[in-house]
């Protein structure tokens, strides 16, 4: 993970550019605060704002963000629905959901909809900057303590355990090792060190896992491992 002063996005040719962020929140003061804070961080640029999930598709088309900070509770189209619709589009940006309460089970639904992580609205600014960079670099942003409490409070639906086990059965033993490491919240570099492989090999495994399981991101891999009782 790069430090908070390092740009996180490198297009073809190796020339770094700012991480482009779209801020979505129905509270104008929250949007203004996030925009001011993120625009003051090196290597990050807030390229647009939206006041409701209904505005997200047009704002995404207009501004081409790398990361969307998405409020969960909005009046017309909520963050869960907006995230699901956004992630269903070609080449979607990464999504970090925002919430006031860490016990809100809607966070879990948002992660299943394709969000790469979540932040509490009172998260210190340096951690928000870190999270934006991390997600833009392809790493999920999950608070292990909060996420564990949240997921442990969600009862399994009938058949979820067996279904998750069946889906994971399609993976090779090495891919299952990578899944377990992802479920523990480890980065690509940490997985590479633990499993004695290169970071490039880890990335290749993650790509194959996502394809085999028809998932959008690493967060959904972790949730599937949780459903299977492996995390």
C-alpha atoms as a PDB file:
ATOM      1  CA  UNK A   1       0.000   0.000   0.000  1.00  0.00           C
ATOM      2  CA  UNK A   2       1.378   3.364  -0.955  1.00  0.00           C
ATOM      3  CA  UNK A   3       1.765   6.109   1.595  1.00  0.00           C
ATOM      4  CA  UNK A   4      -0.754   8.936   1.736  1.00  0.00           C
ATOM      5  CA  UNK A   5       1.387  11.186  -0.446  1.00  0.00           C
ATOM      6  CA  UNK A   6       1.797   8.711  -3.298  1.00  0.00           C
ATOM      7  CA  UNK A   7      -0.511   8.648  -6.323  1.00  0.00           C
ATOM      8  CA  UNK A   8      -2.349   5.359  -6.685  1.00  0.00           C
ATOM      9  CA  UNK A   9      -3.281   5.221 -10.346  1.00  0.00           C
ATOM     10  CA  UNK A  10      -0.750   4.657 -13.110  1.00  0.00           C
ATOM     11  CA  UNK A  11      -2.132   4.572 -16.629  1.00  0.00           C
ATOM     12  CA  UNK A  12      -0.368   2.906 -19.530  1.00  0.00           C
ATOM     13  CA  UNK A  13       3.103   4.349 -20.006  1.00  0.00           C
ATOM     14  CA  UNK A  14       3.802   4.507 -16.282  1.00  0.00           C
ATOM     15  CA  UNK A  15       2.804   8.185 -15.922  1.00  0.00           C
ATOM     16  CA  UNK A  16       0.956   8.663 -12.653  1.00  0.00           C
ATOM     17  CA  UNK A  17      -2.255  10.673 -12.475  1.00  0.00           C
ATOM     18  CA  UNK A  18      -4.546  11.664  -9.622  1.00  0.00           C
ATOM     19  CA  UNK A  19      -7.154   9.232  -8.358  1.00  0.00           C
ATOM     20  CA  UNK A  20     -10.467  10.627  -9.633  1.00  0.00           C
ATOM     21  CA  UNK A  21     -13.206  10.617  -6.979  1.00  0.00           C
ATOM     22  CA  UNK A  22     -16.970  11.139  -7.195  1.00  0.00           C
ATOM     23  CA  UNK A  23     -18.643  12.068  -3.884  1.00  0.00           C
ATOM     24  CA  UNK A  24     -22.279  10.931  -3.513  1.00  0.00           C
ATOM     25  CA  UNK A  25     -24.231  12.109  -0.447  1.00  0.00           C
ATOM     26  CA  UNK A  26     -27.578  13.814   0.066  1.00  0.00           C
ATOM     27  CA  UNK A  27     -26.087  16.100   2.737  1.00  0.00           C
ATOM     28  CA  UNK A  28     -24.476  19.127   1.089  1.00  0.00           C
ATOM     29  CA  UNK A  29     -22.277  19.759   4.132  1.00  0.00           C
ATOM     30  CA  UNK A  30     -20.925  16.201   4.039  1.00  0.00           C
ATOM     31  CA  UNK A  31     -20.184  16.503   0.329  1.00  0.00           C
ATOM     32  CA  UNK A  32     -18.440  19.831   0.868  1.00  0.00           C
ATOM     33  CA  UNK A  33     -16.358  18.465   3.736  1.00  0.00           C
ATOM     34  CA  UNK A  34     -15.276  15.358   1.843  1.00  0.00           C
ATOM     35  CA  UNK A  35     -14.496  17.361  -1.278  1.00  0.00           C
ATOM     36  CA  UNK A  36     -12.386  19.889   0.620  1.00  0.00           C
ATOM     37  CA  UNK A  37     -10.510  17.182   2.492  1.00  0.00           C
ATOM     38  CA  UNK A  38      -9.813  14.953  -0.530  1.00  0.00           C
ATOM     39  CA  UNK A  39      -8.892  17.816  -2.858  1.00  0.00           C
ATOM     40  CA  UNK A  40      -6.252  18.799  -0.326  1.00  0.00           C
ATOM     41  CA  UNK A  41      -4.555  15.391  -0.564  1.00  0.00           C
ATOM     42  CA  UNK A  42      -1.741  14.931  -3.063  1.00  0.00           C
ATOM     43  CA  UNK A  43      -2.617  12.587  -5.910  1.00  0.00           C
ATOM     44  CA  UNK A  44      -6.405  12.751  -5.410  1.00  0.00           C
ATOM     45  CA  UNK A  45      -8.897  14.906  -7.308  1.00  0.00           C
ATOM     46  CA  UNK A  46     -12.625  15.170  -6.616  1.00  0.00           C
ATOM     47  CA  UNK A  47     -14.052  15.375 -10.119  1.00  0.00           C
ATOM     48  CA  UNK A  48     -17.749  15.563  -9.283  1.00  0.00           C
ATOM     49  CA  UNK A  49     -20.541  15.341  -6.732  1.00  0.00           C
ATOM     50  CA  UNK A  50     -24.036  13.824  -6.684  1.00  0.00           C
ATOM     51  CA  UNK A  51     -26.840  14.354  -4.174  1.00  0.00           C
ATOM     52  CA  UNK A  52     -28.664  11.064  -4.774  1.00  0.00           C
ATOM     53  CA  UNK A  53     -28.111   7.615  -6.222  1.00  0.00           C
ATOM     54  CA  UNK A  54     -30.383   8.592  -9.087  1.00  0.00           C
ATOM     55  CA  UNK A  55     -27.688  11.008 -10.290  1.00  0.00           C
ATOM     56  CA  UNK A  56     -24.822   8.511 -10.144  1.00  0.00           C
ATOM     57  CA  UNK A  57     -24.971   7.069 -13.697  1.00  0.00           C
ATOM     58  CA  UNK A  58     -24.921  10.514 -15.332  1.00  0.00           C
ATOM     59  CA  UNK A  59     -22.216  11.777 -12.970  1.00  0.00           C
ATOM     60  CA  UNK A  60     -20.106   8.698 -13.667  1.00  0.00           C
ATOM     61  CA  UNK A  61     -20.472   9.129 -17.414  1.00  0.00           C
ATOM     62  CA  UNK A  62     -19.595  12.823 -17.160  1.00  0.00           C
ATOM     63  CA  UNK A  63     -16.589  12.557 -14.830  1.00  0.00           C
ATOM     64  CA  UNK A  64     -15.154   9.003 -15.258  1.00  0.00           C
ATOM     65  CA  UNK A  65     -14.167   8.538 -11.589  1.00  0.00           C
ATOM     66  CA  UNK A  66     -11.838   5.807 -10.369  1.00  0.00           C
ATOM     67  CA  UNK A  67     -13.545   5.684  -6.965  1.00  0.00           C
ATOM     68  CA  UNK A  68     -17.062   6.615  -5.825  1.00  0.00           C
ATOM     69  CA  UNK A  69     -17.689   7.501  -2.180  1.00  0.00           C
ATOM     70  CA  UNK A  70     -21.325   6.382  -1.848  1.00  0.00           C
ATOM     71  CA  UNK A  71     -23.676   7.275   0.988  1.00  0.00           C
ATOM     72  CA  UNK A  72     -26.027   4.438   1.921  1.00  0.00           C
ATOM     73  CA  UNK A  73     -29.100   6.353   3.015  1.00  0.00           C
ATOM     74  CA  UNK A  74     -30.452   8.685   0.334  1.00  0.00           C
ATOM     75  CA  UNK A  75     -34.073   9.676  -0.377  1.00  0.00           C
ATOM     76  CA  UNK A  76     -34.799   8.457  -3.928  1.00  0.00           C
ATOM     77  CA  UNK A  77     -32.268   5.773  -4.878  1.00  0.00           C
ATOM     78  CA  UNK A  78     -30.214   4.489  -1.954  1.00  0.00           C
ATOM     79  CA  UNK A  79     -26.549   3.607  -1.998  1.00  0.00           C
ATOM     80  CA  UNK A  80     -27.128  -0.145  -2.207  1.00  0.00           C
ATOM     81  CA  UNK A  81     -29.261   0.095  -5.336  1.00  0.00           C
ATOM     82  CA  UNK A  82     -26.954   2.692  -6.868  1.00  0.00           C
ATOM     83  CA  UNK A  83     -23.915   0.512  -6.180  1.00  0.00           C
ATOM     84  CA  UNK A  84     -25.523  -2.584  -7.694  1.00  0.00           C
ATOM     85  CA  UNK A  85     -26.513  -0.670 -10.832  1.00  0.00           C
ATOM     86  CA  UNK A  86     -23.104   0.952 -11.117  1.00  0.00           C
ATOM     87  CA  UNK A  87     -21.184  -2.306 -10.724  1.00  0.00           C
ATOM     88  CA  UNK A  88     -23.354  -3.871 -13.410  1.00  0.00           C
ATOM     89  CA  UNK A  89     -22.114  -1.400 -16.013  1.00  0.00           C
ATOM     90  CA  UNK A  90     -19.046  -1.968 -18.218  1.00  0.00           C
ATOM     91  CA  UNK A  91     -15.762  -0.886 -16.607  1.00  0.00           C
ATOM     92  CA  UNK A  92     -17.329   0.497 -13.410  1.00  0.00           C
ATOM     93  CA  UNK A  93     -15.397   2.529 -10.830  1.00  0.00           C
ATOM     94  CA  UNK A  94     -14.654   1.101  -7.408  1.00  0.00           C
ATOM     95  CA  UNK A  95     -17.166   1.987  -4.686  1.00  0.00           C
ATOM     96  CA  UNK A  96     -16.613   2.776  -1.020  1.00  0.00           C
ATOM     97  CA  UNK A  97     -19.870   3.049   0.898  1.00  0.00           C
ATOM     98  CA  UNK A  98     -20.311   5.616   3.648  1.00  0.00           C
ATOM     99  CA  UNK A  99     -22.397   5.141   6.770  1.00  0.00           C
ATOM    100  CA  UNK A 100     -22.985   6.606  10.213  1.00  0.00           C
ATOM    101  CA  UNK A 101     -23.517   3.311  12.063  1.00  0.00           C
ATOM    102  CA  UNK A 102     -21.129   0.372  11.989  1.00  0.00           C
ATOM    103  CA  UNK A 103     -23.956  -1.998  13.013  1.00  0.00           C
ATOM    104  CA  UNK A 104     -26.117  -1.223   9.975  1.00  0.00           C
ATOM    105  CA  UNK A 105     -26.664  -4.529   8.161  1.00  0.00           C
ATOM    106  CA  UNK A 106     -27.203  -2.581   4.959  1.00  0.00           C
ATOM    107  CA  UNK A 107     -23.415  -2.290   4.779  1.00  0.00           C
ATOM    108  CA  UNK A 108     -23.190  -6.019   4.179  1.00  0.00           C
ATOM    109  CA  UNK A 109     -25.804  -5.795   1.447  1.00  0.00           C
ATOM    110  CA  UNK A 110     -23.797  -2.992  -0.172  1.00  0.00           C
ATOM    111  CA  UNK A 111     -20.652  -5.130  -0.119  1.00  0.00           C
ATOM    112  CA  UNK A 112     -22.545  -7.966  -1.750  1.00  0.00           C
ATOM    113  CA  UNK A 113     -23.784  -5.483  -4.347  1.00  0.00           C
ATOM    114  CA  UNK A 114     -20.185  -4.865  -5.368  1.00  0.00           C
ATOM    115  CA  UNK A 115     -18.751  -2.192  -3.089  1.00  0.00           C
ATOM    116  CA  UNK A 116     -15.050  -2.609  -2.350  1.00  0.00           C
ATOM    117  CA  UNK A 117     -15.376  -1.501   1.258  1.00  0.00           C
ATOM    118  CA  UNK A 118     -16.935   0.944   3.653  1.00  0.00           C
ATOM    119  CA  UNK A 119     -16.053   3.903   5.829  1.00  0.00           C
ATOM    120  CA  UNK A 120     -17.741   5.437   8.827  1.00  0.00           C
ATOM    121  CA  UNK A 121     -18.458   9.109   8.274  1.00  0.00           C
ATOM    122  CA  UNK A 122     -16.392  10.038  11.335  1.00  0.00           C
ATOM    123  CA  UNK A 123     -13.295   8.245   9.980  1.00  0.00           C
ATOM    124  CA  UNK A 124     -10.190  10.475  10.392  1.00  0.00           C
ATOM    125  CA  UNK A 125      -9.221  12.226   7.124  1.00  0.00           C
ATOM    126  CA  UNK A 126      -5.837  10.440   6.729  1.00  0.00           C
ATOM    127  CA  UNK A 127      -7.640   7.087   6.843  1.00  0.00           C
ATOM    128  CA  UNK A 128     -10.152   8.209   4.222  1.00  0.00           C
ATOM    129  CA  UNK A 129      -7.282   9.283   1.948  1.00  0.00           C
ATOM    130  CA  UNK A 130      -5.585   5.932   2.578  1.00  0.00           C
ATOM    131  CA  UNK A 131      -8.811   4.068   1.803  1.00  0.00           C
ATOM    132  CA  UNK A 132      -9.366   5.894  -1.485  1.00  0.00           C
ATOM    133  CA  UNK A 133      -5.831   5.100  -2.600  1.00  0.00           C
ATOM    134  CA  UNK A 134      -6.086   1.489  -1.487  1.00  0.00           C
ATOM    135  CA  UNK A 135      -9.340   0.842  -3.344  1.00  0.00           C
ATOM    136  CA  UNK A 136      -8.066   2.639  -6.447  1.00  0.00           C
ATOM    137  CA  UNK A 137      -5.063   0.296  -6.380  1.00  0.00           C
ATOM    138  CA  UNK A 138      -7.362  -2.740  -6.407  1.00  0.00           C
ATOM    139  CA  UNK A 139      -7.239  -3.607  -2.705  1.00  0.00           C
ATOM    140  CA  UNK A 140     -10.461  -3.791  -0.647  1.00  0.00           C
ATOM    141  CA  UNK A 141     -10.877  -1.343   2.210  1.00  0.00           C
ATOM    142  CA  UNK A 142     -12.381  -3.159   5.166  1.00  0.00           C
ATOM    143  CA  UNK A 143     -12.044  -2.438   8.862  1.00  0.00           C
ATOM    144  CA  UNK A 144     -11.392  -5.958  10.199  1.00  0.00           C
ATOM    145  CA  UNK A 145     -12.937  -5.374  13.638  1.00  0.00           C
ATOM    146  CA  UNK A 146     -16.076  -3.641  12.383  1.00  0.00           C
ATOM    147  CA  UNK A 147     -16.527  -6.010   9.445  1.00  0.00           C
ATOM    148  CA  UNK A 148     -16.175  -9.074  11.646  1.00  0.00           C
ATOM    149  CA  UNK A 149     -18.820  -7.826  14.076  1.00  0.00           C
ATOM    150  CA  UNK A 150     -21.129  -6.919  11.228  1.00  0.00           C
ATOM    151  CA  UNK A 151     -20.852 -10.205   9.356  1.00  0.00           C
ATOM    152  CA  UNK A 152     -21.142 -12.251  12.544  1.00  0.00           C
ATOM    153  CA  UNK A 153     -24.496 -10.608  13.262  1.00  0.00           C
ATOM    154  CA  UNK A 154     -25.984 -11.637   9.928  1.00  0.00           C
ATOM    155  CA  UNK A 155     -27.700 -15.012  10.086  1.00  0.00           C
ATOM    156  CA  UNK A 156     -27.062 -17.397   7.211  1.00  0.00           C
ATOM    157  CA  UNK A 157     -29.998 -17.934   4.881  1.00  0.00           C
ATOM    158  CA  UNK A 158     -31.093 -21.500   4.273  1.00  0.00           C
ATOM    159  CA  UNK A 159     -28.767 -23.154   1.828  1.00  0.00           C
ATOM    160  CA  UNK A 160     -26.186 -20.347   1.805  1.00  0.00           C
ATOM    161  CA  UNK A 161     -23.511 -22.443   3.516  1.00  0.00           C
ATOM    162  CA  UNK A 162     -23.799 -25.380   1.124  1.00  0.00           C
ATOM    163  CA  UNK A 163     -24.074 -23.113  -1.906  1.00  0.00           C
ATOM    164  CA  UNK A 164     -20.913 -21.227  -0.919  1.00  0.00           C
ATOM    165  CA  UNK A 165     -19.043 -24.491  -0.290  1.00  0.00           C
ATOM    166  CA  UNK A 166     -20.135 -25.762  -3.683  1.00  0.00           C
ATOM    167  CA  UNK A 167     -18.915 -22.631  -5.466  1.00  0.00           C
ATOM    168  CA  UNK A 168     -15.520 -22.757  -3.743  1.00  0.00           C
ATOM    169  CA  UNK A 169     -15.152 -26.424  -4.707  1.00  0.00           C
ATOM    170  CA  UNK A 170     -14.466 -25.261  -8.266  1.00  0.00           C
ATOM    171  CA  UNK A 171     -11.175 -23.697  -7.169  1.00  0.00           C
ATOM    172  CA  UNK A 172      -7.758 -25.305  -7.129  1.00  0.00           C
ATOM    173  CA  UNK A 173      -6.062 -25.851  -3.739  1.00  0.00           C
ATOM    174  CA  UNK A 174      -3.759 -22.869  -4.402  1.00  0.00           C
ATOM    175  CA  UNK A 175      -6.697 -20.660  -5.293  1.00  0.00           C
ATOM    176  CA  UNK A 176      -8.418 -21.703  -2.068  1.00  0.00           C
ATOM    177  CA  UNK A 177      -5.298 -20.649  -0.148  1.00  0.00           C
ATOM    178  CA  UNK A 178      -5.543 -17.235  -1.796  1.00  0.00           C
ATOM    179  CA  UNK A 179      -9.253 -17.023  -0.935  1.00  0.00           C
ATOM    180  CA  UNK A 180      -8.526 -17.729   2.726  1.00  0.00           C
ATOM    181  CA  UNK A 181      -5.820 -15.064   2.767  1.00  0.00           C
ATOM    182  CA  UNK A 182      -8.163 -12.529   1.176  1.00  0.00           C
ATOM    183  CA  UNK A 183     -10.808 -13.396   3.775  1.00  0.00           C
ATOM    184  CA  UNK A 184      -8.241 -12.565   6.478  1.00  0.00           C
ATOM    185  CA  UNK A 185      -7.840  -9.123   4.936  1.00  0.00           C
ATOM    186  CA  UNK A 186      -4.325  -9.650   3.616  1.00  0.00           C
ATOM    187  CA  UNK A 187      -2.926  -7.525   0.792  1.00  0.00           C
ATOM    188  CA  UNK A 188      -1.404  -8.976  -2.368  1.00  0.00           C
ATOM    189  CA  UNK A 189       2.077  -8.406  -0.968  1.00  0.00           C
ATOM    190  CA  UNK A 190       1.202 -10.171   2.293  1.00  0.00           C
ATOM    191  CA  UNK A 191      -0.353 -13.101   0.423  1.00  0.00           C
ATOM    192  CA  UNK A 192       2.725 -13.361  -1.805  1.00  0.00           C
ATOM    193  CA  UNK A 193       5.020 -13.497   1.228  1.00  0.00           C
ATOM    194  CA  UNK A 194       2.879 -16.056   3.069  1.00  0.00           C
ATOM    195  CA  UNK A 195       2.373 -18.370   0.090  1.00  0.00           C
ATOM    196  CA  UNK A 196       5.879 -17.902  -1.366  1.00  0.00           C
ATOM    197  CA  UNK A 197       4.861 -16.510  -4.730  1.00  0.00           C
ATOM    198  CA  UNK A 198       5.260 -13.240  -6.582  1.00  0.00           C
ATOM    199  CA  UNK A 199       2.742 -10.415  -6.337  1.00  0.00           C
ATOM    200  CA  UNK A 200       2.071 -10.843 -10.057  1.00  0.00           C
ATOM    201  CA  UNK A 201       1.165 -14.494  -9.447  1.00  0.00           C
ATOM    202  CA  UNK A 202      -1.183 -13.503  -6.634  1.00  0.00           C
ATOM    203  CA  UNK A 203      -2.894 -10.999  -8.920  1.00  0.00           C
ATOM    204  CA  UNK A 204      -3.276 -13.698 -11.577  1.00  0.00           C
ATOM    205  CA  UNK A 205      -4.831 -16.065  -9.029  1.00  0.00           C
ATOM    206  CA  UNK A 206      -7.240 -13.345  -7.862  1.00  0.00           C
ATOM    207  CA  UNK A 207      -8.267 -12.666 -11.459  1.00  0.00           C
ATOM    208  CA  UNK A 208      -8.894 -16.376 -12.093  1.00  0.00           C
ATOM    209  CA  UNK A 209     -10.881 -16.681  -8.853  1.00  0.00           C
ATOM    210  CA  UNK A 210     -13.102 -13.728  -9.757  1.00  0.00           C
ATOM    211  CA  UNK A 211     -13.751 -15.230 -13.189  1.00  0.00           C
ATOM    212  CA  UNK A 212     -14.481 -18.734 -11.881  1.00  0.00           C
ATOM    213  CA  UNK A 213     -16.818 -17.478  -9.163  1.00  0.00           C
ATOM    214  CA  UNK A 214     -18.424 -14.710 -11.289  1.00  0.00           C
ATOM    215  CA  UNK A 215     -17.650 -12.100  -8.643  1.00  0.00           C
ATOM    216  CA  UNK A 216     -16.813  -8.412  -8.976  1.00  0.00           C
ATOM    217  CA  UNK A 217     -14.062  -7.872  -6.428  1.00  0.00           C
ATOM    218  CA  UNK A 218     -12.002  -9.180  -3.510  1.00  0.00           C
ATOM    219  CA  UNK A 219     -14.592  -8.103  -0.957  1.00  0.00           C
ATOM    220  CA  UNK A 220     -17.120 -10.497  -2.445  1.00  0.00           C
ATOM    221  CA  UNK A 221     -14.493 -13.255  -2.321  1.00  0.00           C
ATOM    222  CA  UNK A 222     -14.120 -12.616   1.415  1.00  0.00           C
ATOM    223  CA  UNK A 223     -17.894 -12.662   1.924  1.00  0.00           C
ATOM    224  CA  UNK A 224     -18.195 -15.967   0.056  1.00  0.00           C
ATOM    225  CA  UNK A 225     -15.492 -17.457   2.268  1.00  0.00           C
ATOM    226  CA  UNK A 226     -17.443 -16.230   5.289  1.00  0.00           C
ATOM    227  CA  UNK A 227     -20.655 -17.823   3.967  1.00  0.00           C
ATOM    228  CA  UNK A 228     -18.758 -21.093   3.533  1.00  0.00           C
ATOM    229  CA  UNK A 229     -17.607 -20.970   7.146  1.00  0.00           C
ATOM    230  CA  UNK A 230     -13.958 -20.624   6.185  1.00  0.00           C
ATOM    231  CA  UNK A 231     -13.378 -17.149   7.671  1.00  0.00           C
END
